[in-house]
Structures are given as C-alpha cells and as structure tokens.
C-alpha cells in the first residue's frame, strides 16, 4: 500500500495539490504549469488518485482533476498526528535537558 504522506511529499505532486486547491483543472492545464512532460504530470496525478488525494472525471476527451476532500482531510489528520508526536518528543527532550542541567548546576555548587 502506498503511503499518503510520502506520495504528497514529492515536490511535483505537492505543486499539483497546490494548483488543484484553486479548483478543478484538466491535465493539459496542469501540465502547462510544469517543465516535465504531460505524461509525467498524468503519472503524478494517477498516483495522487490512487492514494485518494485527488479525484478525476472524464468529459469528452478531457480528464478533469480536483482535490478529494476526504483524502485531504485524512492527510491533514496524518500531519497533525505526526507533529503532535514530534512536539511531544521535543517537549520531553527539553524537560530532560532542563532537569539534567539543574542537577549539574546543583552538583557543582
């Protein structure tokens, strides 16, 4: 199974998500914003679709992409969980550092 955070972290895919935040766009419109080929943009979009971050619809010859609200909500929750855990570890390290420093100061007095 693909990792949603890992997929979203790649710079081209992050940019696609940013562009799609403004609304639905065709592959051709999106590809015009990149120096990579239209095919490469399509592959990035397919990967984003596989992990549930974007949704696509076909109309005539065009394929339209938009952000998937549920997938983006889940991605936000993953970020929040990650940062909460990281901040908890940072706080614990800071408290340990302070405690160790106080003990060292008291021992040298």
PDB file of N, CA and C in Angstrom:
ATOM      1  N   UNK A   1       0.838  -1.186   0.000  1.00  0.00           N
ATOM      2  CA  UNK A   1       0.000   0.000   0.000  1.00  0.00           C
ATOM      3  C   UNK A   1       0.886   1.254   0.000  1.00  0.00           C
ATOM      4  N   UNK A   2       0.472   2.232  -0.745  1.00  0.00           N
ATOM      5  CA  UNK A   2       1.226   3.474  -0.849  1.00  0.00           C
ATOM      6  C   UNK A   2       0.993   4.346   0.378  1.00  0.00           C
ATOM      7  N   UNK A   3       2.033   5.056   0.774  1.00  0.00           N
ATOM      8  CA  UNK A   3       1.955   5.959   1.913  1.00  0.00           C
ATOM      9  C   UNK A   3       1.523   7.341   1.428  1.00  0.00           C
ATOM     10  N   UNK A   4       0.386   7.799   1.930  1.00  0.00           N
ATOM     11  CA  UNK A   4      -0.185   9.076   1.504  1.00  0.00           C
ATOM     12  C   UNK A   4       0.775  10.243   1.766  1.00  0.00           C
ATOM     13  N   UNK A   5       1.428  10.240   2.917  1.00  0.00           N
ATOM     14  CA  UNK A   5       2.378  11.319   3.228  1.00  0.00           C
ATOM     15  C   UNK A   5       3.562  11.316   2.268  1.00  0.00           C
ATOM     16  N   UNK A   6       4.068  10.138   1.987  1.00  0.00           N
ATOM     17  CA  UNK A   6       5.214  10.023   1.088  1.00  0.00           C
ATOM     18  C   UNK A   6       4.854  10.481  -0.322  1.00  0.00           C
ATOM     19  N   UNK A   7       3.686  10.090  -0.782  1.00  0.00           N
ATOM     20  CA  UNK A   7       3.240  10.486  -2.124  1.00  0.00           C
ATOM     21  C   UNK A   7       3.080  12.000  -2.197  1.00  0.00           C
ATOM     22  N   UNK A   8       2.461  12.598  -1.191  1.00  0.00           N
ATOM     23  CA  UNK A   8       2.217  14.042  -1.191  1.00  0.00           C
ATOM     24  C   UNK A   8       3.497  14.848  -1.009  1.00  0.00           C
ATOM     25  N   UNK A   9       4.536  14.238  -0.463  1.00  0.00           N
ATOM     26  CA  UNK A   9       5.782  14.957  -0.169  1.00  0.00           C
ATOM     27  C   UNK A   9       6.609  15.271  -1.416  1.00  0.00           C
ATOM     28  N   UNK A  10       6.439  14.524  -2.476  1.00  0.00           N
ATOM     29  CA  UNK A  10       7.236  14.743  -3.685  1.00  0.00           C
ATOM     30  C   UNK A  10       6.901  16.141  -4.243  1.00  0.00           C
ATOM     31  N   UNK A  11       7.916  16.942  -4.572  1.00  0.00           N
ATOM     32  CA  UNK A  11       7.691  18.338  -4.969  1.00  0.00           C
ATOM     33  C   UNK A  11       6.691  18.567  -6.106  1.00  0.00           C
ATOM     34  N   UNK A  12       6.752  17.777  -7.171  1.00  0.00           N
ATOM     35  CA  UNK A  12       5.801  17.961  -8.275  1.00  0.00           C
ATOM     36  C   UNK A  12       4.373  17.658  -7.833  1.00  0.00           C
ATOM     37  N   UNK A  13       4.220  16.625  -7.030  1.00  0.00           N
ATOM     38  CA  UNK A  13       2.874  16.279  -6.549  1.00  0.00           C
ATOM     39  C   UNK A  13       2.363  17.310  -5.550  1.00  0.00           C
ATOM     40  N   UNK A  14       3.248  17.845  -4.714  1.00  0.00           N
ATOM     41  CA  UNK A  14       2.838  18.931  -3.806  1.00  0.00           C
ATOM     42  C   UNK A  14       2.347  20.125  -4.611  1.00  0.00           C
ATOM     43  N   UNK A  15       3.047  20.435  -5.670  1.00  0.00           N
ATOM     44  CA  UNK A  15       2.645  21.566  -6.522  1.00  0.00           C
ATOM     45  C   UNK A  15       1.305  21.293  -7.189  1.00  0.00           C
ATOM     46  N   UNK A  16       1.088  20.066  -7.644  1.00  0.00           N
ATOM     47  CA  UNK A  16      -0.207  19.717  -8.226  1.00  0.00           C
ATOM     48  C   UNK A  16      -1.327  19.912  -7.205  1.00  0.00           C
ATOM     49  N   UNK A  17      -1.102  19.472  -5.982  1.00  0.00           N
ATOM     50  CA  UNK A  17      -2.118  19.650  -4.934  1.00  0.00           C
ATOM     51  C   UNK A  17      -2.384  21.134  -4.702  1.00  0.00           C
ATOM     52  N   UNK A  18      -1.330  21.924  -4.709  1.00  0.00           N
ATOM     53  CA  UNK A  18      -1.478  23.369  -4.519  1.00  0.00           C
ATOM     54  C   UNK A  18      -2.305  23.980  -5.662  1.00  0.00           C
ATOM     55  N   UNK A  19      -1.993  23.598  -6.887  1.00  0.00           N
ATOM     56  CA  UNK A  19      -2.737  24.119  -8.038  1.00  0.00           C
ATOM     57  C   UNK A  19      -4.202  23.697  -7.997  1.00  0.00           C
ATOM     58  N   UNK A  20      -4.451  22.472  -7.594  1.00  0.00           N
ATOM     59  CA  UNK A  20      -5.829  21.967  -7.543  1.00  0.00           C
ATOM     60  C   UNK A  20      -6.627  22.566  -6.383  1.00  0.00           C
ATOM     61  N   UNK A  21      -5.938  23.154  -5.426  1.00  0.00           N
ATOM     62  CA  UNK A  21      -6.650  23.813  -4.317  1.00  0.00           C
ATOM     63  C   UNK A  21      -7.498  24.973  -4.832  1.00  0.00           C
ATOM     64  N   UNK A  22      -7.125  25.529  -5.982  1.00  0.00           N
ATOM     65  CA  UNK A  22      -7.889  26.628  -6.584  1.00  0.00           C
ATOM     66  C   UNK A  22      -9.117  26.129  -7.341  1.00  0.00           C
ATOM     67  N   UNK A  23      -9.188  24.829  -7.591  1.00  0.00           N
ATOM     68  CA  UNK A  23     -10.344  24.271  -8.288  1.00  0.00           C
ATOM     69  C   UNK A  23      -9.957  23.245  -9.328  1.00  0.00           C
ATOM     70  N   UNK A  24     -10.968  22.658  -9.907  1.00  0.00           N
ATOM     71  CA  UNK A  24     -10.810  21.590 -10.894  1.00  0.00           C
ATOM     72  C   UNK A  24     -10.066  22.095 -12.128  1.00  0.00           C
ATOM     73  N   UNK A  25      -9.164  21.246 -12.639  1.00  0.00           N
ATOM     74  CA  UNK A  25      -8.403  21.592 -13.840  1.00  0.00           C
ATOM     75  C   UNK A  25      -8.160  20.348 -14.676  1.00  0.00           C
ATOM     76  N   UNK A  26      -7.952  20.570 -15.965  1.00  0.00           N
ATOM     77  CA  UNK A  26      -7.639  19.457 -16.861  1.00  0.00           C
ATOM     78  C   UNK A  26      -6.150  19.125 -16.757  1.00  0.00           C
ATOM     79  N   UNK A  27      -5.809  17.938 -17.223  1.00  0.00           N
ATOM     80  CA  UNK A  27      -4.403  17.524 -17.254  1.00  0.00           C
ATOM     81  C   UNK A  27      -3.608  18.516 -18.099  1.00  0.00           C
ATOM     82  N   UNK A  28      -4.153  18.935 -19.219  1.00  0.00           N
ATOM     83  CA  UNK A  28      -3.462  19.872 -20.107  1.00  0.00           C
ATOM     84  C   UNK A  28      -3.193  21.197 -19.400  1.00  0.00           C
ATOM     85  N   UNK A  29      -4.178  21.712 -18.675  1.00  0.00           N
ATOM     86  CA  UNK A  29      -3.995  22.964 -17.926  1.00  0.00           C
ATOM     87  C   UNK A  29      -2.899  22.798 -16.871  1.00  0.00           C
ATOM     88  N   UNK A  30      -2.946  21.683 -16.163  1.00  0.00           N
ATOM     89  CA  UNK A  30      -1.949  21.432 -15.125  1.00  0.00           C
ATOM     90  C   UNK A  30      -0.566  21.260 -15.729  1.00  0.00           C
ATOM     91  N   UNK A  31      -0.462  20.514 -16.810  1.00  0.00           N
ATOM     92  CA  UNK A  31       0.830  20.252 -17.448  1.00  0.00           C
ATOM     93  C   UNK A  31       1.484  21.550 -17.917  1.00  0.00           C
ATOM     94  N   UNK A  32       0.676  22.538 -18.286  1.00  0.00           N
ATOM     95  CA  UNK A  32       1.205  23.827 -18.715  1.00  0.00           C
ATOM     96  C   UNK A  32       1.963  24.564 -17.618  1.00  0.00           C
ATOM     97  N   UNK A  33       1.793  24.149 -16.381  1.00  0.00           N
ATOM     98  CA  UNK A  33       2.448  24.776 -15.236  1.00  0.00           C
ATOM     99  C   UNK A  33       3.789  24.111 -14.881  1.00  0.00           C
ATOM    100  N   UNK A  34       4.169  23.079 -15.637  1.00  0.00           N
ATOM    101  CA  UNK A  34       5.363  22.292 -15.318  1.00  0.00           C
ATOM    102  C   UNK A  34       6.319  22.231 -16.500  1.00  0.00           C
ATOM    103  N   UNK A  35       7.580  21.978 -16.189  1.00  0.00           N
ATOM    104  CA  UNK A  35       8.569  21.776 -17.245  1.00  0.00           C
ATOM    105  C   UNK A  35       8.663  20.308 -17.641  1.00  0.00           C
ATOM    106  N   UNK A  36       8.091  19.410 -16.819  1.00  0.00           N
ATOM    107  CA  UNK A  36       8.086  17.988 -17.161  1.00  0.00           C
ATOM    108  C   UNK A  36       6.996  17.725 -18.198  1.00  0.00           C
ATOM    109  N   UNK A  37       7.027  16.561 -18.798  1.00  0.00           N
ATOM    110  CA  UNK A  37       6.077  16.236 -19.858  1.00  0.00           C
ATOM    111  C   UNK A  37       4.653  16.065 -19.325  1.00  0.00           C
ATOM    112  N   UNK A  38       3.708  16.171 -20.238  1.00  0.00           N
ATOM    113  CA  UNK A  38       2.302  15.952 -19.883  1.00  0.00           C
ATOM    114  C   UNK A  38       2.115  14.538 -19.350  1.00  0.00           C
ATOM    115  N   UNK A  39       2.830  13.596 -19.927  1.00  0.00           N
ATOM    116  CA  UNK A  39       2.773  12.207 -19.483  1.00  0.00           C
ATOM    117  C   UNK A  39       3.241  12.079 -18.037  1.00  0.00           C
ATOM    118  N   UNK A  40       4.313  12.779 -17.693  1.00  0.00           N
ATOM    119  CA  UNK A  40       4.822  12.739 -16.313  1.00  0.00           C
ATOM    120  C   UNK A  40       3.801  13.330 -15.348  1.00  0.00           C
ATOM    121  N   UNK A  41       3.162  14.426 -15.739  1.00  0.00           N
ATOM    122  CA  UNK A  41       2.126  15.039 -14.905  1.00  0.00           C
ATOM    123  C   UNK A  41       0.972  14.059 -14.727  1.00  0.00           C
ATOM    124  N   UNK A  42       0.575  13.388 -15.800  1.00  0.00           N
ATOM    125  CA  UNK A  42      -0.500  12.394 -15.725  1.00  0.00           C
ATOM    126  C   UNK A  42      -0.151  11.273 -14.758  1.00  0.00           C
ATOM    127  N   UNK A  43       1.101  10.827 -14.770  1.00  0.00           N
ATOM    128  CA  UNK A  43       1.528   9.767 -13.853  1.00  0.00           C
ATOM    129  C   UNK A  43       1.475  10.232 -12.402  1.00  0.00           C
ATOM    130  N   UNK A  44       1.891  11.471 -12.157  1.00  0.00           N
ATOM    131  CA  UNK A  44       1.793  12.031 -10.809  1.00  0.00           C
ATOM    132  C   UNK A  44       0.329  12.095 -10.356  1.00  0.00           C
ATOM    133  N   UNK A  45      -0.538  12.535 -11.257  1.00  0.00           N
ATOM    134  CA  UNK A  45      -1.961  12.640 -10.929  1.00  0.00           C
ATOM    135  C   UNK A  45      -2.569  11.269 -10.645  1.00  0.00           C
ATOM    136  N   UNK A  46      -2.182  10.273 -11.419  1.00  0.00           N
ATOM    137  CA  UNK A  46      -2.694   8.922 -11.186  1.00  0.00           C
ATOM    138  C   UNK A  46      -2.262   8.395  -9.821  1.00  0.00           C
ATOM    139  N   UNK A  47      -1.030   8.680  -9.434  1.00  0.00           N
ATOM    140  CA  UNK A  47      -0.552   8.265  -8.125  1.00  0.00           C
ATOM    141  C   UNK A  47      -1.322   8.987  -7.014  1.00  0.00           C
ATOM    142  N   UNK A  48      -1.542  10.291  -7.190  1.00  0.00           N
ATOM    143  CA  UNK A  48      -2.337  11.052  -6.218  1.00  0.00           C
ATOM    144  C   UNK A  48      -3.766  10.511  -6.133  1.00  0.00           C
ATOM    145  N   UNK A  49      -4.290  10.075  -7.268  1.00  0.00           N
ATOM    146  CA  UNK A  49      -5.636   9.489  -7.286  1.00  0.00           C
ATOM    147  C   UNK A  49      -5.648   8.138  -6.566  1.00  0.00           C
ATOM    148  N   UNK A  50      -4.603   7.342  -6.763  1.00  0.00           N
ATOM    149  CA  UNK A  50      -4.522   6.022  -6.119  1.00  0.00           C
ATOM    150  C   UNK A  50      -4.520   6.112  -4.601  1.00  0.00           C
ATOM    151  N   UNK A  51      -3.900   7.163  -4.066  1.00  0.00           N
ATOM    152  CA  UNK A  51      -3.863   7.310  -2.605  1.00  0.00           C
ATOM    153  C   UNK A  51      -5.041   8.122  -2.079  1.00  0.00           C
ATOM    154  N   UNK A  52      -5.934   8.534  -2.977  1.00  0.00           N
ATOM    155  CA  UNK A  52      -7.154   9.204  -2.555  1.00  0.00           C
ATOM    156  C   UNK A  52      -7.046  10.691  -2.304  1.00  0.00           C
ATOM    157  N   UNK A  53      -6.008  11.346  -2.818  1.00  0.00           N
ATOM    158  CA  UNK A  53      -5.869  12.783  -2.608  1.00  0.00           C
ATOM    159  C   UNK A  53      -6.525  13.615  -3.694  1.00  0.00           C
ATOM    160  N   UNK A  54      -6.704  13.036  -4.876  1.00  0.00           N
ATOM    161  CA  UNK A  54      -7.423  13.720  -5.948  1.00  0.00           C
ATOM    162  C   UNK A  54      -8.457  12.772  -6.546  1.00  0.00           C
ATOM    163  N   UNK A  55      -9.434  13.365  -7.179  1.00  0.00           N
ATOM    164  CA  UNK A  55     -10.458  12.596  -7.887  1.00  0.00           C
ATOM    165  C   UNK A  55     -10.473  13.093  -9.327  1.00  0.00           C
ATOM    166  N   UNK A  56     -10.888  12.230 -10.237  1.00  0.00           N
ATOM    167  CA  UNK A  56     -10.900  12.589 -11.653  1.00  0.00           C
ATOM    168  C   UNK A  56     -12.257  12.277 -12.255  1.00  0.00           C
ATOM    169  N   UNK A  57     -12.600  13.040 -13.263  1.00  0.00           N
ATOM    170  CA  UNK A  57     -13.792  12.742 -14.058  1.00  0.00           C
ATOM    171  C   UNK A  57     -13.440  12.993 -15.518  1.00  0.00           C
ATOM    172  N   UNK A  58     -14.081  12.223 -16.365  1.00  0.00           N
ATOM    173  CA  UNK A  58     -13.824  12.360 -17.800  1.00  0.00           C
ATOM    174  C   UNK A  58     -15.026  13.030 -18.443  1.00  0.00           C
ATOM    175  N   UNK A  59     -14.728  14.012 -19.260  1.00  0.00           N
ATOM    176  CA  UNK A  59     -15.764  14.709 -20.017  1.00  0.00           C
ATOM    177  C   UNK A  59     -15.251  14.879 -21.441  1.00  0.00           C
ATOM    178  N   UNK A  60     -15.862  14.136 -22.359  1.00  0.00           N
ATOM    179  CA  UNK A  60     -15.377  14.161 -23.731  1.00  0.00           C
ATOM    180  C   UNK A  60     -13.955  13.628 -23.784  1.00  0.00           C
ATOM    181  N   UNK A  61     -13.072  14.410 -24.374  1.00  0.00           N
ATOM    182  CA  UNK A  61     -11.672  14.000 -24.482  1.00  0.00           C
ATOM    183  C   UNK A  61     -10.833  14.462 -23.295  1.00  0.00           C
ATOM    184  N   UNK A  62     -11.422  15.226 -22.413  1.00  0.00           N
ATOM    185  CA  UNK A  62     -10.663  15.780 -21.288  1.00  0.00           C
ATOM    186  C   UNK A  62     -10.880  14.994 -20.005  1.00  0.00           C
ATOM    187  N   UNK A  63      -9.839  14.986 -19.219  1.00  0.00           N
ATOM    188  CA  UNK A  63      -9.906  14.388 -17.883  1.00  0.00           C
ATOM    189  C   UNK A  63      -9.680  15.525 -16.891  1.00  0.00           C
ATOM    190  N   UNK A  64     -10.646  15.733 -16.018  1.00  0.00           N
ATOM    191  CA  UNK A  64     -10.600  16.812 -15.037  1.00  0.00           C
ATOM    192  C   UNK A  64     -10.230  16.256 -13.662  1.00  0.00           C
ATOM    193  N   UNK A  65      -9.329  16.948 -12.992  1.00  0.00           N
ATOM    194  CA  UNK A  65      -8.902  16.543 -11.649  1.00  0.00           C
ATOM    195  C   UNK A  65      -9.299  17.614 -10.649  1.00  0.00           C
ATOM    196  N   UNK A  66      -9.583  17.158  -9.438  1.00  0.00           N
ATOM    197  CA  UNK A  66      -9.891  18.045  -8.318  1.00  0.00           C
ATOM    198  C   UNK A  66      -9.387  17.374  -7.053  1.00  0.00           C
ATOM    199  N   UNK A  67      -9.239  18.157  -5.997  1.00  0.00           N
ATOM    200  CA  UNK A  67      -8.848  17.575  -4.716  1.00  0.00           C
ATOM    201  C   UNK A  67      -9.981  16.707  -4.193  1.00  0.00           C
ATOM    202  N   UNK A  68      -9.636  15.611  -3.567  1.00  0.00           N
ATOM    203  CA  UNK A  68     -10.617  14.759  -2.905  1.00  0.00           C
ATOM    204  C   UNK A  68     -10.694  15.232  -1.450  1.00  0.00           C
ATOM    205  N   UNK A  69     -11.832  15.775  -1.063  1.00  0.00           N
ATOM    206  CA  UNK A  69     -11.980  16.357   0.281  1.00  0.00           C
ATOM    207  C   UNK A  69     -11.693  15.356   1.392  1.00  0.00           C
ATOM    208  N   UNK A  70     -12.202  14.145   1.260  1.00  0.00           N
ATOM    209  CA  UNK A  70     -11.979  13.134   2.298  1.00  0.00           C
ATOM    210  C   UNK A  70     -10.500  12.772   2.399  1.00  0.00           C
ATOM    211  N   UNK A  71      -9.859  12.585   1.266  1.00  0.00           N
ATOM    212  CA  UNK A  71      -8.436  12.245   1.254  1.00  0.00           C
ATOM    213  C   UNK A  71      -7.579  13.359   1.831  1.00  0.00           C
ATOM    214  N   UNK A  72      -7.910  14.605   1.491  1.00  0.00           N
ATOM    215  CA  UNK A  72      -7.150  15.730   2.024  1.00  0.00           C
ATOM    216  C   UNK A  72      -7.378  15.881   3.528  1.00  0.00           C
ATOM    217  N   UNK A  73      -8.584  15.608   3.987  1.00  0.00           N
ATOM    218  CA  UNK A  73      -8.881  15.654   5.428  1.00  0.00           C
ATOM    219  C   UNK A  73      -8.035  14.609   6.168  1.00  0.00           C
ATOM    220  N   UNK A  74      -7.952  13.413   5.596  1.00  0.00           N
ATOM    221  CA  UNK A  74      -7.142  12.356   6.205  1.00  0.00           C
ATOM    222  C   UNK A  74      -5.656  12.724   6.204  1.00  0.00           C
ATOM    223  N   UNK A  75      -5.196  13.362   5.126  1.00  0.00           N
ATOM    224  CA  UNK A  75      -3.805  13.806   5.059  1.00  0.00           C
ATOM    225  C   UNK A  75      -3.533  14.841   6.148  1.00  0.00           C
ATOM    226  N   UNK A  76      -4.453  15.783   6.331  1.00  0.00           N
ATOM    227  CA  UNK A  76      -4.314  16.775   7.390  1.00  0.00           C
ATOM    228  C   UNK A  76      -4.222  16.109   8.760  1.00  0.00           C
ATOM    229  N   UNK A  77      -5.041  15.092   8.985  1.00  0.00           N
ATOM    230  CA  UNK A  77      -5.016  14.368  10.261  1.00  0.00           C
ATOM    231  C   UNK A  77      -3.670  13.672  10.457  1.00  0.00           C
ATOM    232  N   UNK A  78      -3.121  13.090   9.388  1.00  0.00           N
ATOM    233  CA  UNK A  78      -1.808  12.448   9.476  1.00  0.00           C
ATOM    234  C   UNK A  78      -0.727  13.457   9.856  1.00  0.00           C
ATOM    235  N   UNK A  79      -0.773  14.649   9.239  1.00  0.00           N
ATOM    236  CA  UNK A  79       0.176  15.702   9.581  1.00  0.00           C
ATOM    237  C   UNK A  79       0.044  16.097  11.041  1.00  0.00           C
ATOM    238  N   UNK A  80      -1.195  16.272  11.487  1.00  0.00           N
ATOM    239  CA  UNK A  80      -1.420  16.673  12.877  1.00  0.00           C
ATOM    240  C   UNK A  80      -0.904  15.614  13.845  1.00  0.00           C
ATOM    241  N   UNK A  81      -1.137  14.341  13.542  1.00  0.00           N
ATOM    242  CA  UNK A  81      -0.637  13.263  14.396  1.00  0.00           C
ATOM    243  C   UNK A  81       0.884  13.265  14.417  1.00  0.00           C
ATOM    244  N   UNK A  82       1.477  13.439  13.260  1.00  0.00           N
ATOM    245  CA  UNK A  82       2.932  13.457  13.157  1.00  0.00           C
ATOM    246  C   UNK A  82       3.506  14.593  13.986  1.00  0.00           C
ATOM    247  N   UNK A  83       2.984  15.803  13.793  1.00  0.00           N
ATOM    248  CA  UNK A  83       3.528  16.953  14.503  1.00  0.00           C
ATOM    249  C   UNK A  83       3.245  16.890  15.988  1.00  0.00           C
ATOM    250  N   UNK A  84       2.111  16.357  16.375  1.00  0.00           N
ATOM    251  CA  UNK A  84       1.820  16.213  17.793  1.00  0.00           C
ATOM    252  C   UNK A  84       2.846  15.294  18.434  1.00  0.00           C
ATOM    253  N   UNK A  85       3.127  14.173  17.803  1.00  0.00           N
ATOM    254  CA  UNK A  85       4.114  13.223  18.333  1.00  0.00           C
ATOM    255  C   UNK A  85       5.504  13.862  18.370  1.00  0.00           C
ATOM    256  N   UNK A  86       5.882  14.559  17.307  1.00  0.00           N
ATOM    257  CA  UNK A  86       7.200  15.196  17.255  1.00  0.00           C
ATOM    258  C   UNK A  86       7.326  16.273  18.328  1.00  0.00           C
ATOM    259  N   UNK A  87       6.282  17.075  18.506  1.00  0.00           N
ATOM    260  CA  UNK A  87       6.329  18.125  19.526  1.00  0.00           C
ATOM    261  C   UNK A  87       6.369  17.539  20.929  1.00  0.00           C
ATOM    262  N   UNK A  88       5.651  16.435  21.146  1.00  0.00           N
ATOM    263  CA  UNK A  88       5.693  15.760  22.447  1.00  0.00           C
ATOM    264  C   UNK A  88       7.119  15.284  22.751  1.00  0.00           C
ATOM    265  N   UNK A  89       7.794  14.725  21.742  1.00  0.00           N
ATOM    266  CA  UNK A  89       9.174  14.258  21.943  1.00  0.00           C
ATOM    267  C   UNK A  89      10.110  15.440  22.194  1.00  0.00           C
ATOM    268  N   UNK A  90       9.907  16.542  21.485  1.00  0.00           N
ATOM    269  CA  UNK A  90      10.726  17.731  21.686  1.00  0.00           C
ATOM    270  C   UNK A  90      10.532  18.288  23.094  1.00  0.00           C
ATOM    271  N   UNK A  91       9.294  18.328  23.553  1.00  0.00           N
ATOM    272  CA  UNK A  91       8.999  18.804  24.900  1.00  0.00           C
ATOM    273  C   UNK A  91       9.663  17.910  25.946  1.00  0.00           C
ATOM    274  N   UNK A  92       9.581  16.606  25.758  1.00  0.00           N
ATOM    275  CA  UNK A  92      10.217  15.667  26.692  1.00  0.00           C
ATOM    276  C   UNK A  92      11.730  15.865  26.707  1.00  0.00           C
ATOM    277  N   UNK A  93      12.333  16.050  25.533  1.00  0.00           N
ATOM    278  CA  UNK A  93      13.774  16.295  25.464  1.00  0.00           C
ATOM    279  C   UNK A  93      14.143  17.594  26.177  1.00  0.00           C
ATOM    280  N   UNK A  94      13.346  18.627  25.987  1.00  0.00           N
ATOM    281  CA  UNK A  94      13.612  19.916  26.637  1.00  0.00           C
ATOM    282  C   UNK A  94      13.500  19.782  28.150  1.00  0.00           C
ATOM    283  N   UNK A  95      12.521  19.049  28.626  1.00  0.00           N
ATOM    284  CA  UNK A  95      12.362  18.851  30.067  1.00  0.00           C
ATOM    285  C   UNK A  95      13.530  18.045  30.634  1.00  0.00           C
ATOM    286  N   UNK A  96      13.950  17.017  29.924  1.00  0.00           N
ATOM    287  CA  UNK A  96      15.105  16.220  30.362  1.00  0.00           C
ATOM    288  C   UNK A  96      16.371  17.066  30.380  1.00  0.00           C
ATOM    289  N   UNK A  97      16.545  17.905  29.383  1.00  0.00           N
ATOM    290  CA  UNK A  97      17.710  18.777  29.298  1.00  0.00           C
ATOM    291  C   UNK A  97      17.734  19.726  30.493  1.00  0.00           C
ATOM    292  N   UNK A  98      16.577  20.332  30.776  1.00  0.00           N
ATOM    293  CA  UNK A  98      16.468  21.266  31.903  1.00  0.00           C
ATOM    294  C   UNK A  98      16.754  20.558  33.220  1.00  0.00           C
ATOM    295  N   UNK A  99      16.182  19.386  33.408  1.00  0.00           N
ATOM    296  CA  UNK A  99      16.406  18.610  34.637  1.00  0.00           C
ATOM    297  C   UNK A  99      17.875  18.242  34.778  1.00  0.00           C
ATOM    298  N   UNK A 100      18.492  17.766  33.708  1.00  0.00           N
ATOM    299  CA  UNK A 100      19.913  17.396  33.738  1.00  0.00           C
ATOM    300  C   UNK A 100      20.789  18.604  34.038  1.00  0.00           C
ATOM    301  N   UNK A 101      20.453  19.728  33.461  1.00  0.00           N
ATOM    302  CA  UNK A 101      21.234  20.948  33.657  1.00  0.00           C
ATOM    303  C   UNK A 101      21.126  21.436  35.101  1.00  0.00           C
ATOM    304  N   UNK A 102      19.909  21.371  35.656  1.00  0.00           N
ATOM    305  CA  UNK A 102      19.718  21.769  37.052  1.00  0.00           C
ATOM    306  C   UNK A 102      20.524  20.878  37.996  1.00  0.00           C
ATOM    307  N   UNK A 103      20.533  19.581  37.719  1.00  0.00           N
ATOM    308  CA  UNK A 103      21.284  18.645  38.561  1.00  0.00           C
ATOM    309  C   UNK A 103      22.779  18.920  38.488  1.00  0.00           C
ATOM    310  N   UNK A 104      23.260  19.211  37.297  1.00  0.00           N
ATOM    311  CA  UNK A 104      24.679  19.510  37.102  1.00  0.00           C
ATOM    312  C   UNK A 104      25.056  20.795  37.844  1.00  0.00           C
ATOM    313  N   UNK A 105      24.211  21.798  37.769  1.00  0.00           N
ATOM    314  CA  UNK A 105      24.456  23.061  38.457  1.00  0.00           C
ATOM    315  C   UNK A 105      24.478  22.884  39.958  1.00  0.00           C
ATOM    316  N   UNK A 106      23.528  22.097  40.465  1.00  0.00           N
ATOM    317  CA  UNK A 106      23.449  21.852  41.912  1.00  0.00           C
ATOM    318  C   UNK A 106      24.666  21.062  42.397  1.00  0.00           C
ATOM    319  N   UNK A 107      25.130  20.113  41.583  1.00  0.00           N
ATOM    320  CA  UNK A 107      26.280  19.288  41.973  1.00  0.00           C
ATOM    321  C   UNK A 107      27.562  20.105  42.005  1.00  0.00           C
ATOM    322  N   UNK A 108      27.682  21.102  41.138  1.00  0.00           N
ATOM    323  CA  UNK A 108      28.900  21.912  41.091  1.00  0.00           C
ATOM    324  C   UNK A 108      28.896  23.041  42.110  1.00  0.00           C
ATOM    325  N   UNK A 109      27.779  23.257  42.793  1.00  0.00           N
ATOM    326  CA  UNK A 109      27.703  24.327  43.808  1.00  0.00           C
ATOM    327  C   UNK A 109      28.212  23.903  45.140  1.00  0.00           C
TER     328      UNK A 109
END
